[in-house]
Amino acid sequence: MKKEHLRYLRCPECKNELSINAVDSEHNEKIEEGELCCTTCNALYPIINYIPRFVPVENYASGFGLQWNIHVSTQYDNHTGLPLSENRFFNATNWPRTLNGELILEAGSGSGRFTEHAVKTGAMVISFDYSNAVEANYNHNGDKDNLLIVQADIMTPPTPPYSFDKIFCFGVLQHTPAPHKSFLSLTQQLKPAGSLVVDVYKKNKLGKFLSFTPAPPTKYYIRPITTRMDPGRLYENIKSYINFMWPICKIINKIPKFGRNINWMLLVADHGNLDISDNQAKQWAYLNTFDMLAPRYDSPQTLSTVKQWFSTAQLENCHVAYGYNGIVGRGNRPREDNKNTASDQP
């Protein structure tokens, strides 16, 4: 991290300012190894590989760290040759492509496929993930001057409250222990008139056991086993299974209208609808099948529930509808908000 980026951070425990307690190594004006200290409660937070760590490096999201560090580039647009991440980012947010002078918070970065496009807007981006996927994000995007990557918990973000112009959280809330509380935590980071955008897996009204992609019902029958497995072992088993099923799934995929859904029901994440090579499609299958079966928490939501989240948070100009990843919701904090104070601003 750059020393000047300290202004964007706060102690996640007491929300007071941090100081640099130690610099063990520094390269190109960035702290590689060191330590941050809360100026009030004296809590200590290490900086490891240029990334401030506000949670244990290994935690319940370690499986996500494994998948994103294996599939570092799989979903990046420059790898697929398609603007998949770019289109999803701007279609979901409806934000302008130029945001110079604004402050963006990304909650749950994964390997950084959306971080890349947020940074290109010219805004200052604070990006965090609970898992060590932050390593993959840093390897891709860490050289950008308008980016600070940290490892942190969505429930206790290490940032000043009511300070962000824009916040986005894609594909994360359903994998937290408490999706609604995680959502409300993000709303507390918004400036007055600030924009919050989230997407979350959808749940069929008849229940998750009758839902479809990206939550095929069959995954809920096997998850009680797979979520208890070592992530590395699970990944290798999934890879072997997909390699075996791949020729069969390519035939099934040709069935009009239903082929892809059948493959997802067979626990093969079929992305045959994308204009990518066969090898790339297989890599996506490894990644997203693991993503179905590995996470400890998996809580798809109904459209009405997500609408209630935005209503409960008293956000304005809300739009909640079905979208690419299930359900997409957008809203703004009211312009007149007496919770915001000048002292909160970085």
Protein backbone atom coordinates (compact mmCIF):
# COMPACT_ATOMS: atom_id res chain seq x y z
CA MET A 1 0.00 0.00 0.00
CA LYS A 2 1.03 3.61 -0.51
CA LYS A 3 1.48 5.65 2.65
CA GLU A 4 -0.89 8.32 1.39
CA HIS A 5 -3.65 5.70 1.07
CA LEU A 6 -3.78 5.47 4.86
CA ARG A 7 -6.32 8.31 4.76
CA TYR A 8 -8.89 5.92 3.27
CA LEU A 9 -8.64 3.42 6.14
CA ARG A 10 -10.07 3.21 9.65
CA CYS A 11 -9.85 0.66 12.42
CA PRO A 12 -12.62 -1.88 11.75
CA GLU A 13 -13.16 -2.31 15.50
CA CYS A 14 -13.55 1.29 16.69
CA LYS A 15 -13.61 3.26 13.39
CA ASN A 16 -10.82 5.59 14.50
CA GLU A 17 -7.77 6.55 12.47
CA LEU A 18 -4.81 4.26 11.84
CA SER A 19 -1.12 5.01 11.87
CA ILE A 20 1.82 3.22 10.30
CA ASN A 21 3.43 1.34 13.17
CA ALA A 22 6.23 -0.36 11.23
CA VAL A 23 7.69 -0.56 7.74
CA ASP A 24 9.74 -3.74 7.34
CA SER A 25 10.19 -3.49 3.57
CA GLU A 26 9.24 -0.93 0.97
CA HIS A 27 9.49 -0.88 -2.84
CA ASN A 28 8.52 1.78 -5.37
CA GLU A 29 7.05 3.96 -2.61
CA LYS A 30 4.76 1.13 -1.46
CA ILE A 31 4.88 -0.69 1.87
CA GLU A 32 5.44 -4.38 1.11
CA GLU A 33 5.64 -5.65 4.70
CA GLY A 34 4.73 -3.68 7.79
CA GLU A 35 2.07 -2.99 10.36
CA LEU A 36 -0.78 -0.57 10.99
CA CYS A 37 -1.89 0.48 14.46
CA CYS A 38 -5.16 2.03 15.64
CA THR A 39 -4.49 5.41 17.22
CA THR A 40 -7.25 4.82 19.80
CA CYS A 41 -7.62 1.12 20.69
CA ASN A 42 -4.05 0.13 19.70
CA ALA A 43 -5.23 -2.82 17.59
CA LEU A 44 -2.52 -4.01 15.19
CA TYR A 45 -3.02 -5.02 11.55
CA PRO A 46 -0.24 -6.49 9.40
CA ILE A 47 0.63 -5.46 5.86
CA ILE A 48 1.59 -8.59 3.92
CA ASN A 49 2.60 -8.53 0.24
CA TYR A 50 1.55 -4.86 -0.03
CA ILE A 51 -1.96 -5.63 1.28
CA PRO A 52 -3.29 -4.50 4.70
CA ARG A 53 -4.93 -7.48 6.42
CA PHE A 54 -7.86 -6.81 8.74
CA VAL A 55 -8.95 -10.47 9.04
CA PRO A 56 -7.01 -13.72 9.42
CA VAL A 57 -5.40 -14.69 6.12
CA GLU A 58 -7.08 -18.11 6.34
CA ASN A 59 -10.81 -18.08 7.13
CA TYR A 60 -14.20 -19.52 6.07
CA ALA A 61 -13.69 -18.04 2.59
CA SER A 62 -10.41 -19.85 1.94
CA GLY A 63 -12.07 -21.83 -0.85
CA PHE A 64 -12.69 -18.59 -2.71
CA GLY A 65 -9.04 -17.71 -2.32
CA LEU A 66 -8.07 -21.07 -3.80
CA GLN A 67 -10.38 -20.75 -6.81
CA TRP A 68 -9.34 -17.20 -7.65
CA ASN A 69 -5.65 -17.86 -7.27
CA ILE A 70 -5.96 -20.87 -9.61
CA HIS A 71 -8.23 -19.07 -12.06
CA VAL A 72 -6.41 -15.77 -11.87
CA SER A 73 -7.25 -14.72 -15.43
CA THR A 74 -10.10 -17.04 -16.44
CA GLN A 75 -12.86 -14.42 -16.34
CA TYR A 76 -10.83 -11.38 -17.37
CA ASP A 77 -11.93 -9.77 -20.61
CA ASN A 78 -8.41 -9.72 -22.04
CA HIS A 79 -8.32 -13.50 -21.55
CA THR A 80 -11.72 -14.33 -23.09
CA GLY A 81 -11.47 -11.68 -25.80
CA LEU A 82 -15.02 -10.61 -24.89
CA PRO A 83 -16.23 -7.59 -22.85
CA LEU A 84 -18.14 -9.81 -20.41
CA SER A 85 -16.92 -8.19 -17.19
CA GLU A 86 -17.00 -4.68 -18.65
CA ASN A 87 -20.58 -5.06 -19.86
CA ARG A 88 -21.76 -6.60 -16.60
CA PHE A 89 -20.11 -3.84 -14.57
CA PHE A 90 -21.60 -0.92 -16.49
CA ASN A 91 -24.97 -2.56 -17.24
CA ALA A 92 -25.50 -3.41 -13.57
CA THR A 93 -24.32 -0.08 -12.15
CA ASN A 94 -25.55 2.34 -14.85
CA TRP A 95 -22.57 4.49 -13.83
CA PRO A 96 -20.73 6.83 -16.20
CA ARG A 97 -17.45 5.58 -17.63
CA THR A 98 -15.61 8.62 -16.26
CA LEU A 99 -15.72 9.15 -12.49
CA ASN A 100 -12.63 11.25 -11.80
CA GLY A 101 -12.57 12.63 -8.27
CA GLU A 102 -15.05 10.08 -6.88
CA LEU A 103 -14.45 7.39 -4.28
CA ILE A 104 -15.62 3.81 -4.99
CA LEU A 105 -15.81 0.87 -2.58
CA GLU A 106 -15.76 -2.66 -4.02
CA ALA A 107 -17.00 -5.29 -1.56
CA GLY A 108 -15.78 -8.76 -2.53
CA SER A 109 -13.29 -8.42 -5.36
CA GLY A 110 -12.46 -12.03 -6.15
CA SER A 111 -9.61 -11.99 -8.63
CA GLY A 112 -10.41 -8.39 -9.60
CA ARG A 113 -12.29 -8.81 -12.88
CA PHE A 114 -14.54 -5.85 -11.95
CA THR A 115 -11.85 -3.95 -10.08
CA GLU A 116 -10.13 -3.50 -13.43
CA HIS A 117 -13.11 -1.63 -14.88
CA ALA A 118 -13.82 0.42 -11.75
CA VAL A 119 -10.22 1.66 -11.79
CA LYS A 120 -10.48 2.62 -15.46
CA THR A 121 -13.19 5.17 -14.58
CA GLY A 122 -10.51 7.32 -12.95
CA ALA A 123 -12.13 7.11 -9.49
CA MET A 124 -10.15 6.19 -6.39
CA VAL A 125 -11.12 2.57 -5.69
CA ILE A 126 -10.90 0.81 -2.33
CA SER A 127 -11.32 -2.91 -3.04
CA PHE A 128 -11.55 -5.66 -0.44
CA ASP A 129 -12.21 -9.36 -0.21
CA TYR A 130 -12.53 -11.62 2.83
CA SER A 131 -10.37 -14.32 1.23
CA ASN A 132 -6.79 -14.30 0.01
CA ALA A 133 -8.18 -13.75 -3.49
CA VAL A 134 -6.81 -10.26 -2.80
CA GLU A 135 -3.46 -11.73 -3.86
CA ALA A 136 -4.80 -12.46 -7.34
CA ASN A 137 -6.37 -9.01 -7.54
CA TYR A 138 -3.10 -7.35 -6.54
CA ASN A 139 -1.15 -9.35 -9.12
CA HIS A 140 -3.50 -8.04 -11.82
CA ASN A 141 -4.29 -4.52 -10.69
CA GLY A 142 -1.95 -3.60 -7.86
CA ASP A 143 0.19 -1.31 -10.01
CA LYS A 144 -2.66 1.19 -10.39
CA ASP A 145 -2.14 4.41 -8.42
CA ASN A 146 -5.88 4.92 -7.89
CA LEU A 147 -6.41 1.54 -6.20
CA LEU A 148 -6.03 0.31 -2.62
CA ILE A 149 -6.58 -3.43 -2.04
CA VAL A 150 -7.19 -4.75 1.48
CA GLN A 151 -8.30 -8.03 3.03
CA ALA A 152 -11.33 -7.33 5.19
CA ASP A 153 -14.77 -8.39 6.42
CA ILE A 154 -17.90 -6.95 4.80
CA MET A 155 -19.50 -6.72 8.26
CA THR A 156 -16.71 -4.50 9.59
CA PRO A 157 -15.18 -2.68 6.63
CA PRO A 158 -11.96 -0.81 7.54
CA THR A 159 -13.12 2.42 5.94
CA PRO A 160 -14.67 5.71 7.13
CA PRO A 161 -18.48 5.53 7.40
CA TYR A 162 -20.58 7.68 5.05
CA SER A 163 -17.60 8.44 2.81
CA PHE A 164 -18.12 6.68 -0.55
CA ASP A 165 -19.71 8.14 -3.66
CA LYS A 166 -20.32 4.68 -5.06
CA ILE A 167 -20.31 1.09 -3.75
CA PHE A 168 -20.72 -2.16 -5.67
CA CYS A 169 -20.92 -5.75 -4.49
CA PHE A 170 -21.27 -8.47 -7.14
CA GLY A 171 -21.82 -12.16 -6.40
CA VAL A 172 -20.93 -11.89 -2.71
CA LEU A 173 -23.89 -11.30 -0.39
CA GLN A 174 -25.32 -14.81 -0.77
CA HIS A 175 -22.00 -16.24 0.41
CA THR A 176 -21.86 -14.29 3.69
CA PRO A 177 -23.17 -15.63 7.03
CA ALA A 178 -25.86 -12.91 7.13
CA PRO A 179 -26.73 -11.44 3.69
CA HIS A 180 -29.15 -8.78 4.95
CA LYS A 181 -26.78 -7.55 7.66
CA SER A 182 -23.95 -7.50 5.13
CA PHE A 183 -26.10 -5.37 2.83
CA LEU A 184 -26.94 -2.94 5.63
CA SER A 185 -23.25 -2.70 6.53
CA LEU A 186 -22.53 -1.44 3.01
CA THR A 187 -25.26 1.20 3.19
CA GLN A 188 -23.46 2.70 6.20
CA GLN A 189 -20.46 3.46 3.98
CA LEU A 190 -22.42 5.64 1.51
CA LYS A 191 -22.26 9.43 1.34
CA PRO A 192 -25.56 11.30 1.03
CA ALA A 193 -26.73 10.79 -2.57
CA GLY A 194 -24.18 7.98 -2.91
CA SER A 195 -25.03 5.00 -5.16
CA LEU A 196 -25.11 1.36 -4.02
CA VAL A 197 -25.35 -1.53 -6.50
CA VAL A 198 -25.52 -5.22 -5.56
CA ASP A 199 -26.30 -8.46 -7.29
CA VAL A 200 -27.28 -11.70 -5.60
CA TYR A 201 -28.34 -15.19 -6.66
CA LYS A 202 -32.10 -15.57 -7.06
CA LYS A 203 -34.23 -18.13 -5.23
CA ASN A 204 -37.28 -19.65 -6.84
CA LYS A 205 -40.49 -18.83 -4.98
CA LEU A 206 -40.99 -22.56 -4.42
CA GLY A 207 -37.67 -22.79 -2.59
CA LYS A 208 -34.03 -23.20 -3.38
CA PHE A 209 -34.44 -26.92 -4.13
CA LEU A 210 -36.52 -26.02 -7.19
CA SER A 211 -34.41 -23.13 -8.46
CA PHE A 212 -32.24 -23.07 -11.58
CA THR A 213 -28.90 -21.64 -12.65
CA PRO A 214 -26.80 -20.33 -11.09
CA ALA A 215 -28.37 -22.37 -8.28
CA PRO A 216 -29.46 -25.74 -9.75
CA PRO A 217 -31.38 -27.79 -7.18
CA THR A 218 -28.99 -30.76 -7.37
CA LYS A 219 -26.19 -28.73 -5.83
CA TYR A 220 -28.12 -28.47 -2.55
CA TYR A 221 -28.23 -32.24 -2.22
CA ILE A 222 -24.46 -32.62 -2.47
CA ARG A 223 -23.33 -29.43 -0.69
CA PRO A 224 -23.66 -31.00 2.80
CA ILE A 225 -20.76 -33.22 1.70
CA THR A 226 -18.70 -30.86 -0.44
CA THR A 227 -18.69 -27.96 2.03
CA ARG A 228 -16.96 -30.23 4.56
CA MET A 229 -14.23 -31.29 2.16
CA ASP A 230 -10.76 -29.81 1.94
CA PRO A 231 -11.03 -27.16 -0.83
CA GLY A 232 -7.96 -28.43 -2.67
CA ARG A 233 -9.23 -32.01 -2.70
CA LEU A 234 -12.70 -30.86 -3.75
CA TYR A 235 -11.28 -28.84 -6.64
CA GLU A 236 -9.30 -31.82 -7.96
CA ASN A 237 -12.38 -34.06 -7.70
CA ILE A 238 -14.48 -31.52 -9.58
CA LYS A 239 -11.83 -31.19 -12.25
CA SER A 240 -11.71 -34.98 -12.74
CA TYR A 241 -15.51 -35.19 -12.86
CA ILE A 242 -15.80 -32.43 -15.48
CA ASN A 243 -13.03 -33.96 -17.60
CA PHE A 244 -15.00 -37.24 -17.60
CA MET A 245 -18.36 -35.55 -18.29
CA TRP A 246 -17.15 -33.02 -20.84
CA PRO A 247 -17.75 -35.08 -24.05
CA ILE A 248 -21.22 -36.05 -22.78
CA CYS A 249 -22.09 -32.49 -21.79
CA LYS A 250 -21.10 -31.16 -25.21
CA ILE A 251 -23.69 -33.49 -26.75
CA ILE A 252 -26.34 -32.54 -24.16
CA ASN A 253 -25.64 -28.86 -24.80
CA LYS A 254 -26.98 -29.31 -28.33
CA ILE A 255 -30.49 -30.09 -27.02
CA PRO A 256 -32.57 -27.00 -27.91
CA LYS A 257 -33.64 -24.78 -24.99
CA PHE A 258 -32.89 -27.34 -22.27
CA GLY A 259 -29.36 -28.58 -22.92
CA ARG A 260 -27.49 -26.07 -20.77
CA ASN A 261 -29.94 -26.42 -17.87
CA ILE A 262 -29.52 -30.21 -17.94
CA ASN A 263 -25.75 -29.83 -17.70
CA TRP A 264 -26.06 -27.43 -14.76
CA MET A 265 -28.38 -29.97 -13.10
CA LEU A 266 -25.62 -32.53 -13.66
CA LEU A 267 -23.30 -30.15 -11.77
CA VAL A 268 -21.32 -29.05 -14.79
CA ALA A 269 -21.35 -25.26 -15.12
CA ASP A 270 -22.11 -25.00 -18.82
CA HIS A 271 -21.06 -21.74 -20.46
CA GLY A 272 -21.51 -23.02 -23.99
CA ASN A 273 -23.60 -19.93 -24.74
CA LEU A 274 -20.46 -17.78 -24.64
CA ASP A 275 -18.32 -17.23 -27.72
CA ILE A 276 -15.19 -18.68 -26.11
CA SER A 277 -12.94 -21.60 -26.97
CA ASP A 278 -13.64 -25.12 -25.76
CA ASN A 279 -10.69 -24.95 -23.37
CA GLN A 280 -11.87 -21.63 -21.97
CA ALA A 281 -15.37 -23.03 -21.49
CA LYS A 282 -13.90 -25.96 -19.56
CA GLN A 283 -11.92 -23.58 -17.33
CA TRP A 284 -15.14 -21.66 -16.60
CA ALA A 285 -16.80 -25.00 -15.80
CA TYR A 286 -14.06 -25.90 -13.29
CA LEU A 287 -14.34 -22.48 -11.68
CA ASN A 288 -18.10 -22.13 -11.44
CA THR A 289 -18.82 -25.74 -10.49
CA PHE A 290 -16.37 -25.29 -7.62
CA ASP A 291 -18.11 -22.00 -6.85
CA MET A 292 -21.41 -23.89 -6.55
CA LEU A 293 -20.16 -26.62 -4.26
CA ALA A 294 -17.39 -25.14 -2.09
CA PRO A 295 -18.72 -22.01 -0.30
CA ARG A 296 -19.68 -22.56 3.32
CA TYR A 297 -22.67 -20.22 2.94
CA ASP A 298 -25.10 -20.15 0.02
CA SER A 299 -28.29 -18.13 0.47
CA PRO A 300 -30.07 -17.13 -2.76
CA GLN A 301 -32.77 -14.50 -2.30
CA THR A 302 -36.19 -13.70 -3.74
CA LEU A 303 -36.88 -10.49 -5.61
CA SER A 304 -39.29 -9.36 -2.89
CA THR A 305 -36.68 -9.91 -0.18
CA VAL A 306 -34.05 -7.81 -1.95
CA LYS A 307 -36.63 -5.06 -2.53
CA GLN A 308 -37.32 -5.15 1.20
CA TRP A 309 -33.60 -4.72 1.92
CA PHE A 310 -33.53 -1.47 -0.04
CA SER A 311 -36.74 -0.28 1.60
CA THR A 312 -35.50 -1.09 5.11
CA ALA A 313 -32.29 0.85 4.43
CA GLN A 314 -34.43 3.84 3.34
CA LEU A 315 -32.58 4.18 0.06
CA GLU A 316 -34.05 6.29 -2.73
CA ASN A 317 -34.40 5.90 -6.51
CA CYS A 318 -34.36 2.14 -6.05
CA HIS A 319 -34.49 -0.30 -8.92
CA VAL A 320 -34.49 -4.02 -8.13
CA ALA A 321 -35.01 -6.51 -10.95
CA TYR A 322 -33.84 -9.81 -12.37
CA GLY A 323 -30.48 -9.47 -14.07
CA TYR A 324 -27.41 -11.31 -15.34
CA ASN A 325 -26.39 -12.95 -12.08
CA GLY A 326 -29.86 -13.36 -10.60
CA ILE A 327 -31.12 -10.15 -8.98
CA VAL A 328 -29.60 -6.68 -9.43
CA GLY A 329 -30.47 -3.85 -7.05
CA ARG A 330 -29.58 -0.15 -7.19
CA GLY A 331 -30.36 2.70 -4.83
CA ASN A 332 -29.10 5.99 -3.38
CA ARG A 333 -28.70 7.31 0.13
CA PRO A 334 -30.95 10.37 0.61
CA ARG A 335 -29.24 13.69 -0.16
CA GLU A 336 -30.17 15.11 3.23
CA ASP A 337 -28.64 12.76 5.78
CA ASN A 338 -27.72 14.04 9.23
CA LYS A 339 -25.59 10.94 9.93
CA ASN A 340 -22.84 12.27 7.70
CA THR A 341 -20.25 14.53 9.31
CA ALA A 342 -17.18 16.25 7.95
CA SER A 343 -15.00 14.25 10.34
CA ASP A 344 -16.02 11.02 8.62
CA GLN A 345 -14.51 12.05 5.31
CA PRO A 346 -11.09 10.74 4.24
